[in-house]
Amino acid sequence: MHSSLPIETSLWDFSLFYYGRPGVSSLCLHLQDEHGVNVNILLWTLWLGYRGIQLEPTQLTLALRKTHSWDQQYVLPLRQLRRRMKAEFGVADRSIETVRAQIKHAELLAEKHLQQLLELHIPVEKIAITATPDKASMPATLMADNLQLYLQQLGIDESLITDLLALLLD
């Protein structure tokens, strides 16, 4: 795992860093659109592992419950509106594209708020681990374990999980 991010990195900054890696956004969007994966939850599971936190099933359930309403009532409707406008009007009309850009900005702000809810969900005492040479690969292992915990409960094929981990952890 190659990263220049400090361990104290916020979930949002972590997400921007990893989501921007080559191939990650397209695979995440595929998982979102074809398999119902919440990309913010996916990134949160990775962030926890990066910070040395093993995600427990009960924590995952609580996080899903805590964010469901915000996601369903605000994030998803903004995404659907933005996509519907693109399908209906295309991208040629600059005026409509300006509106779509504003909707996308609002969608990102709604996702950032959802991530803040997730970040606040973790008790402070679980955040820090002591980095020792024999634990050098632990964050990568925890990231993989946490990701699998979430994606396997959604019935995501192991090959997709492996592909995503390869993009994230190379």
Protein backbone atom coordinates (compact mmCIF):
# COMPACT_ATOMS: atom_id res chain seq x y z
CA MET A 1 0.00 0.00 0.00
CA HIS A 2 1.56 3.23 -1.16
CA SER A 3 0.12 6.35 0.39
CA SER A 4 1.34 9.77 1.30
CA LEU A 5 -1.65 10.44 3.51
CA PRO A 6 -1.14 10.95 7.24
CA ILE A 7 -2.99 8.50 9.47
CA GLU A 8 -5.11 11.40 10.84
CA THR A 9 -6.53 12.17 7.39
CA SER A 10 -10.25 12.94 7.40
CA LEU A 11 -12.60 10.53 5.71
CA TRP A 12 -13.35 13.13 3.02
CA ASP A 13 -9.68 13.73 2.16
CA PHE A 14 -9.01 9.98 2.22
CA SER A 15 -11.95 9.45 -0.13
CA LEU A 16 -10.79 12.10 -2.58
CA PHE A 17 -7.29 10.57 -2.62
CA TYR A 18 -8.35 6.97 -3.19
CA TYR A 19 -11.38 7.65 -5.39
CA GLY A 20 -9.11 9.64 -7.70
CA ARG A 21 -6.76 6.72 -8.32
CA PRO A 22 -6.86 5.29 -11.86
CA GLY A 23 -9.78 2.92 -12.34
CA VAL A 24 -11.22 3.31 -8.84
CA SER A 25 -14.05 5.71 -9.65
CA SER A 26 -15.30 3.66 -12.61
CA LEU A 27 -15.30 0.43 -10.60
CA CYS A 28 -16.99 2.14 -7.65
CA LEU A 29 -19.68 3.58 -9.93
CA HIS A 30 -20.19 0.13 -11.46
CA LEU A 31 -20.63 -1.34 -7.97
CA GLN A 32 -23.01 1.51 -7.10
CA ASP A 33 -25.13 1.37 -10.24
CA GLU A 34 -25.17 -2.39 -10.83
CA HIS A 35 -25.03 -3.79 -7.29
CA GLY A 36 -26.45 -1.10 -4.98
CA VAL A 37 -23.18 -0.38 -3.20
CA ASN A 38 -23.05 2.87 -1.24
CA VAL A 39 -19.67 4.27 -2.31
CA ASN A 40 -19.47 6.45 0.80
CA ILE A 41 -19.87 3.40 3.04
CA LEU A 42 -17.32 1.55 0.89
CA LEU A 43 -14.79 4.36 1.32
CA TRP A 44 -15.55 4.56 5.05
CA THR A 45 -14.75 0.87 5.49
CA LEU A 46 -11.40 1.43 3.76
CA TRP A 47 -10.67 4.56 5.82
CA LEU A 48 -11.27 2.64 9.04
CA GLY A 49 -8.79 -0.03 7.99
CA TYR A 50 -6.29 2.64 6.96
CA ARG A 51 -6.58 4.05 10.48
CA GLY A 52 -6.06 0.61 12.01
CA ILE A 53 -9.66 -0.11 12.92
CA GLN A 54 -11.23 -3.53 12.38
CA LEU A 55 -14.87 -2.98 11.43
CA GLU A 56 -17.33 -5.11 13.34
CA PRO A 57 -20.64 -6.22 11.79
CA THR A 58 -22.61 -4.34 14.45
CA GLN A 59 -20.71 -1.12 13.66
CA LEU A 60 -21.46 -1.58 9.97
CA THR A 61 -25.16 -2.15 10.67
CA LEU A 62 -25.30 0.95 12.86
CA ALA A 63 -23.51 3.07 10.25
CA LEU A 64 -25.87 1.90 7.52
CA ARG A 65 -28.86 2.70 9.71
CA LYS A 66 -27.45 6.08 10.71
CA THR A 67 -26.83 7.22 7.12
CA HIS A 68 -29.75 5.59 5.31
CA SER A 69 -32.24 8.44 5.68
CA TRP A 70 -29.77 11.15 4.60
CA ASP A 71 -28.65 9.07 1.64
CA GLN A 72 -32.20 8.22 0.52
CA GLN A 73 -33.70 11.68 1.02
CA TYR A 74 -30.87 13.92 -0.20
CA VAL A 75 -27.89 12.24 -1.88
CA LEU A 76 -29.81 9.87 -4.16
CA PRO A 77 -32.44 12.40 -5.33
CA LEU A 78 -29.71 14.88 -6.29
CA ARG A 79 -27.82 12.17 -8.18
CA GLN A 80 -30.99 11.02 -9.94
CA LEU A 81 -31.91 14.60 -10.92
CA ARG A 82 -28.43 15.27 -12.30
CA ARG A 83 -28.42 12.05 -14.31
CA ARG A 84 -31.98 12.53 -15.54
CA MET A 85 -31.09 16.00 -16.84
CA LYS A 86 -28.09 14.58 -18.71
CA ALA A 87 -30.21 11.83 -20.27
CA GLU A 88 -33.00 14.22 -21.21
CA PHE A 89 -31.00 17.23 -22.42
CA GLY A 90 -27.53 15.87 -23.22
CA VAL A 91 -24.52 18.07 -22.53
CA ALA A 92 -24.63 20.55 -25.43
CA ASP A 93 -26.69 23.28 -23.77
CA ARG A 94 -24.31 25.36 -21.63
CA SER A 95 -27.13 26.80 -19.56
CA ILE A 96 -28.43 23.35 -18.60
CA GLU A 97 -24.86 22.17 -17.94
CA THR A 98 -24.46 25.06 -15.51
CA VAL A 99 -27.53 23.87 -13.64
CA ARG A 100 -26.25 20.27 -13.69
CA ALA A 101 -22.89 21.44 -12.34
CA GLN A 102 -24.65 23.16 -9.44
CA ILE A 103 -26.67 20.02 -8.73
CA LYS A 104 -23.47 17.96 -8.80
CA HIS A 105 -21.90 20.40 -6.34
CA ALA A 106 -24.91 20.03 -4.03
CA GLU A 107 -24.69 16.23 -4.39
CA LEU A 108 -21.02 16.29 -3.37
CA LEU A 109 -21.82 18.48 -0.37
CA ALA A 110 -24.56 16.03 0.64
CA GLU A 111 -22.08 13.16 0.31
CA LYS A 112 -19.54 15.09 2.37
CA HIS A 113 -22.13 15.51 5.10
CA LEU A 114 -22.89 11.78 4.97
CA GLN A 115 -19.17 11.08 5.39
CA GLN A 116 -19.06 13.45 8.36
CA LEU A 117 -21.86 11.40 9.94
CA LEU A 118 -19.78 8.27 9.36
CA GLU A 119 -16.60 9.83 10.71
CA LEU A 120 -18.37 10.87 13.90
CA HIS A 121 -19.79 7.35 14.30
CA ILE A 122 -16.45 5.85 15.40
CA PRO A 123 -15.52 6.13 19.06
CA VAL A 124 -12.28 8.08 19.56
CA GLU A 125 -10.65 5.32 21.61
CA LYS A 126 -10.70 3.00 18.58
CA ILE A 127 -8.85 5.39 16.25
CA ALA A 128 -5.16 5.02 17.04
CA ILE A 129 -2.88 2.03 16.64
CA THR A 130 0.80 1.89 17.30
CA ALA A 131 2.80 1.51 14.11
CA THR A 132 5.50 -1.09 14.47
CA PRO A 133 7.59 -2.74 11.75
CA ASP A 134 5.77 -6.06 12.13
CA LYS A 135 2.44 -4.26 11.59
CA ALA A 136 3.55 -2.51 8.38
CA SER A 137 0.98 -4.35 6.28
CA MET A 138 -1.81 -4.21 8.87
CA PRO A 139 -3.66 -1.21 7.36
CA ALA A 140 -3.83 -2.93 3.97
CA THR A 141 -5.11 -6.12 5.61
CA LEU A 142 -7.68 -4.23 7.66
CA MET A 143 -8.78 -2.24 4.61
CA ALA A 144 -9.33 -5.50 2.71
CA ASP A 145 -11.13 -7.18 5.63
CA ASN A 146 -13.41 -4.18 6.20
CA LEU A 147 -14.22 -3.86 2.51
CA GLN A 148 -15.03 -7.57 2.27
CA LEU A 149 -17.29 -7.37 5.32
CA TYR A 150 -19.41 -4.74 3.58
CA LEU A 151 -19.36 -6.02 0.00
CA GLN A 152 -19.87 -9.70 0.83
CA GLN A 153 -23.06 -8.90 2.74
CA LEU A 154 -24.34 -7.36 -0.52
CA GLY A 155 -23.44 -10.51 -2.43
CA ILE A 156 -20.69 -8.83 -4.48
CA ASP A 157 -18.60 -11.30 -6.44
CA GLU A 158 -15.17 -11.92 -4.93
CA SER A 159 -13.49 -11.05 -8.26
CA LEU A 160 -14.88 -7.50 -8.11
CA ILE A 161 -13.63 -7.11 -4.54
CA THR A 162 -10.19 -8.37 -5.61
CA ASP A 163 -10.15 -5.97 -8.58
CA LEU A 164 -11.01 -3.01 -6.37
CA LEU A 165 -8.40 -3.94 -3.77
CA ALA A 166 -5.76 -4.25 -6.50
CA LEU A 167 -6.56 -0.70 -7.69
CA LEU A 168 -6.53 0.69 -4.17
CA LEU A 169 -3.62 -1.10 -2.58
CA ASP A 170 -0.99 -1.42 -5.33
